[in-house]
Amino acid sequence: MRRGYHHVIQGFPNCVVTDGVINFFLARTEKVQQVGFDPRLARVAHLEFFIDGLGALHVGSCDDVIVNHATKIRLPWISQSESDKTYAKFRYPPAASDATQTKNGLLFFKNRFQCLTHN
């Protein structure tokens, strides 16, 4: 998977056109409905949503817009609360979980993938 973007958005020097974004996005309801989103994959299929939306979504990313959402950075001197630990089990299922297995199976089936690699 190549990291990067297609081009800078004219008039917005800190924004680029890309195929997908990580972790957080805003979208028009009609566009999300047009692409579709499998509710079984709500927590695990972010990348798959953008793959399904190739050619239909116009995706922009701005490096001067920051949303503090579900950070994966953990400071060692701050302990996790019990509710944080419970949320983490729900939000970040292990690779062998049913949700992750379903995600991978559907991704390969829907897109006729036979193999996939990344760095």
C-alpha atoms as a PDB file:
ATOM      1  CA  MET A   1       0.000   0.000   0.000  1.00  0.00           C
ATOM      2  CA  ARG A   2       1.523   3.321  -1.060  1.00  0.00           C
ATOM      3  CA  ARG A   3       1.276   6.160   1.433  1.00  0.00           C
ATOM      4  CA  GLY A   4       0.650   9.597   0.019  1.00  0.00           C
ATOM      5  CA  TYR A   5      -1.843  11.598  -1.968  1.00  0.00           C
ATOM      6  CA  HIS A   6      -2.838  12.512  -5.508  1.00  0.00           C
ATOM      7  CA  HIS A   7      -2.519  16.310  -5.380  1.00  0.00           C
ATOM      8  CA  VAL A   8      -2.914  19.406  -3.195  1.00  0.00           C
ATOM      9  CA  ILE A   9      -6.426  20.913  -3.165  1.00  0.00           C
ATOM     10  CA  GLN A  10      -6.360  24.300  -4.905  1.00  0.00           C
ATOM     11  CA  GLY A  11      -6.950  27.123  -2.423  1.00  0.00           C
ATOM     12  CA  PHE A  12      -6.291  24.833   0.557  1.00  0.00           C
ATOM     13  CA  PRO A  13      -2.496  24.440   0.810  1.00  0.00           C
ATOM     14  CA  ASN A  14      -2.694  22.097   3.830  1.00  0.00           C
ATOM     15  CA  CYS A  15      -5.210  19.746   2.177  1.00  0.00           C
ATOM     16  CA  VAL A  16      -4.725  16.937  -0.325  1.00  0.00           C
ATOM     17  CA  VAL A  17      -6.863  14.542  -2.358  1.00  0.00           C
ATOM     18  CA  THR A  18      -6.334  10.920  -1.325  1.00  0.00           C
ATOM     19  CA  ASP A  19      -8.093   7.552  -1.586  1.00  0.00           C
ATOM     20  CA  GLY A  20      -8.782   7.093   2.128  1.00  0.00           C
ATOM     21  CA  VAL A  21      -8.007   8.405   5.578  1.00  0.00           C
ATOM     22  CA  ILE A  22      -7.138   6.729   8.850  1.00  0.00           C
ATOM     23  CA  ASN A  23      -9.304   6.515  11.971  1.00  0.00           C
ATOM     24  CA  PHE A  24     -11.748   9.430  11.610  1.00  0.00           C
ATOM     25  CA  PHE A  25     -13.746  10.941   8.774  1.00  0.00           C
ATOM     26  CA  LEU A  26     -16.797  13.080   8.092  1.00  0.00           C
ATOM     27  CA  ALA A  27     -19.000  12.359   5.113  1.00  0.00           C
ATOM     28  CA  ARG A  28     -22.287  13.234   3.519  1.00  0.00           C
ATOM     29  CA  THR A  29     -24.899  10.659   4.508  1.00  0.00           C
ATOM     30  CA  GLU A  30     -25.907  10.094   0.877  1.00  0.00           C
ATOM     31  CA  LYS A  31     -22.337   9.229  -0.135  1.00  0.00           C
ATOM     32  CA  VAL A  32     -21.865   6.768   2.729  1.00  0.00           C
ATOM     33  CA  GLN A  33     -25.175   5.128   1.807  1.00  0.00           C
ATOM     34  CA  GLN A  34     -24.129   5.014  -1.851  1.00  0.00           C
ATOM     35  CA  VAL A  35     -20.944   3.134  -0.967  1.00  0.00           C
ATOM     36  CA  GLY A  36     -22.616   1.046   1.728  1.00  0.00           C
ATOM     37  CA  PHE A  37     -21.167  -0.182   4.978  1.00  0.00           C
ATOM     38  CA  ASP A  38     -21.604  -3.666   6.371  1.00  0.00           C
ATOM     39  CA  PRO A  39     -22.789  -3.219   9.985  1.00  0.00           C
ATOM     40  CA  ARG A  40     -21.025  -6.472  10.963  1.00  0.00           C
ATOM     41  CA  LEU A  41     -17.756  -4.710  10.223  1.00  0.00           C
ATOM     42  CA  ALA A  42     -18.420  -1.366  11.909  1.00  0.00           C
ATOM     43  CA  ARG A  43     -15.357  -1.543  14.168  1.00  0.00           C
ATOM     44  CA  VAL A  44     -12.876  -3.280  11.915  1.00  0.00           C
ATOM     45  CA  ALA A  45     -13.468  -2.379   8.251  1.00  0.00           C
ATOM     46  CA  HIS A  46     -12.382   1.236   7.903  1.00  0.00           C
ATOM     47  CA  LEU A  47      -9.949   0.598   5.031  1.00  0.00           C
ATOM     48  CA  GLU A  48     -12.485  -1.662   3.334  1.00  0.00           C
ATOM     49  CA  PHE A  49     -15.034   1.163   3.276  1.00  0.00           C
ATOM     50  CA  PHE A  50     -12.608   3.352   1.323  1.00  0.00           C
ATOM     51  CA  ILE A  51     -11.743   0.498  -1.054  1.00  0.00           C
ATOM     52  CA  ASP A  52     -15.467   0.081  -1.752  1.00  0.00           C
ATOM     53  CA  GLY A  53     -15.707   3.852  -2.289  1.00  0.00           C
ATOM     54  CA  LEU A  54     -12.937   4.138  -4.883  1.00  0.00           C
ATOM     55  CA  GLY A  55     -14.327   6.132  -7.801  1.00  0.00           C
ATOM     56  CA  ALA A  56     -17.403   7.258  -5.841  1.00  0.00           C
ATOM     57  CA  LEU A  57     -15.963   9.215  -2.912  1.00  0.00           C
ATOM     58  CA  HIS A  58     -14.040  12.467  -3.064  1.00  0.00           C
ATOM     59  CA  VAL A  59     -11.652  12.201  -0.111  1.00  0.00           C
ATOM     60  CA  GLY A  60      -9.633  15.080   1.263  1.00  0.00           C
ATOM     61  CA  SER A  61      -7.214  15.191   4.157  1.00  0.00           C
ATOM     62  CA  CYS A  62      -5.886  18.332   5.844  1.00  0.00           C
ATOM     63  CA  ASP A  63      -2.831  18.248   8.087  1.00  0.00           C
ATOM     64  CA  ASP A  64      -3.984  21.330   9.991  1.00  0.00           C
ATOM     65  CA  VAL A  65      -7.249  19.681  11.115  1.00  0.00           C
ATOM     66  CA  ILE A  66      -6.803  17.522  14.203  1.00  0.00           C
ATOM     67  CA  VAL A  67      -9.458  15.334  15.802  1.00  0.00           C
ATOM     68  CA  ASN A  68      -8.467  13.764  19.102  1.00  0.00           C
ATOM     69  CA  HIS A  69     -10.250  10.458  18.534  1.00  0.00           C
ATOM     70  CA  ALA A  70      -9.317   7.012  19.852  1.00  0.00           C
ATOM     71  CA  THR A  71      -5.615   7.682  20.031  1.00  0.00           C
ATOM     72  CA  LYS A  72      -3.441   4.577  20.116  1.00  0.00           C
ATOM     73  CA  ILE A  73      -0.653   6.450  21.882  1.00  0.00           C
ATOM     74  CA  ARG A  74      -0.448   5.358  25.500  1.00  0.00           C
ATOM     75  CA  LEU A  75       1.657   7.296  27.965  1.00  0.00           C
ATOM     76  CA  PRO A  76       3.388   4.835  30.325  1.00  0.00           C
ATOM     77  CA  TRP A  77       2.900   7.030  33.391  1.00  0.00           C
ATOM     78  CA  ILE A  78      -0.888   7.150  32.933  1.00  0.00           C
ATOM     79  CA  SER A  79      -2.653   3.916  33.880  1.00  0.00           C
ATOM     80  CA  GLN A  80      -5.735   2.729  32.016  1.00  0.00           C
ATOM     81  CA  SER A  81      -9.043   2.787  33.829  1.00  0.00           C
ATOM     82  CA  GLU A  82     -11.180  -0.360  33.898  1.00  0.00           C
ATOM     83  CA  SER A  83     -13.613   1.229  31.429  1.00  0.00           C
ATOM     84  CA  ASP A  84     -10.686   2.006  29.070  1.00  0.00           C
ATOM     85  CA  LYS A  85      -9.579  -1.636  29.256  1.00  0.00           C
ATOM     86  CA  THR A  86     -13.108  -2.859  28.534  1.00  0.00           C
ATOM     87  CA  TYR A  87     -13.454  -0.424  25.622  1.00  0.00           C
ATOM     88  CA  ALA A  88     -10.098  -1.528  24.176  1.00  0.00           C
ATOM     89  CA  LYS A  89     -11.252  -5.180  24.094  1.00  0.00           C
ATOM     90  CA  PHE A  90     -14.387  -4.108  22.198  1.00  0.00           C
ATOM     91  CA  ARG A  91     -12.742  -1.524  19.929  1.00  0.00           C
ATOM     92  CA  TYR A  92      -9.542  -3.369  18.994  1.00  0.00           C
ATOM     93  CA  PRO A  93     -10.374  -7.070  18.580  1.00  0.00           C
ATOM     94  CA  PRO A  94      -7.427  -9.458  18.193  1.00  0.00           C
ATOM     95  CA  ALA A  95      -6.448 -10.567  14.689  1.00  0.00           C
ATOM     96  CA  ALA A  96      -7.932 -14.027  15.303  1.00  0.00           C
ATOM     97  CA  SER A  97     -11.364 -12.669  16.300  1.00  0.00           C
ATOM     98  CA  ASP A  98     -14.547 -13.551  14.413  1.00  0.00           C
ATOM     99  CA  ALA A  99     -15.018  -9.910  13.323  1.00  0.00           C
ATOM    100  CA  THR A 100     -11.518  -9.723  11.864  1.00  0.00           C
ATOM    101  CA  GLN A 101     -11.860 -13.104  10.126  1.00  0.00           C
ATOM    102  CA  THR A 102     -15.211 -12.004   8.647  1.00  0.00           C
ATOM    103  CA  LYS A 103     -13.676  -8.717   7.507  1.00  0.00           C
ATOM    104  CA  ASN A 104     -10.790 -10.420   5.738  1.00  0.00           C
ATOM    105  CA  GLY A 105     -13.044 -13.008   4.102  1.00  0.00           C
ATOM    106  CA  LEU A 106     -15.457 -10.387   2.785  1.00  0.00           C
ATOM    107  CA  LEU A 107     -12.646  -8.091   1.625  1.00  0.00           C
ATOM    108  CA  PHE A 108     -11.057 -10.826  -0.468  1.00  0.00           C
ATOM    109  CA  PHE A 109     -14.395 -12.196  -1.766  1.00  0.00           C
ATOM    110  CA  LYS A 110     -15.994  -8.848  -2.719  1.00  0.00           C
ATOM    111  CA  ASN A 111     -12.887  -7.533  -4.450  1.00  0.00           C
ATOM    112  CA  ARG A 112     -11.757 -10.854  -5.941  1.00  0.00           C
ATOM    113  CA  PHE A 113      -8.410 -10.547  -4.140  1.00  0.00           C
ATOM    114  CA  GLN A 114      -6.209 -13.608  -4.052  1.00  0.00           C
ATOM    115  CA  CYS A 115      -3.302 -12.155  -2.107  1.00  0.00           C
ATOM    116  CA  LEU A 116      -2.419  -8.932  -0.308  1.00  0.00           C
ATOM    117  CA  THR A 117       0.792  -7.537   1.145  1.00  0.00           C
ATOM    118  CA  HIS A 118       1.812  -4.421   3.032  1.00  0.00           C
ATOM    119  CA  ASN A 119       4.862  -3.010   4.825  1.00  0.00           C
END
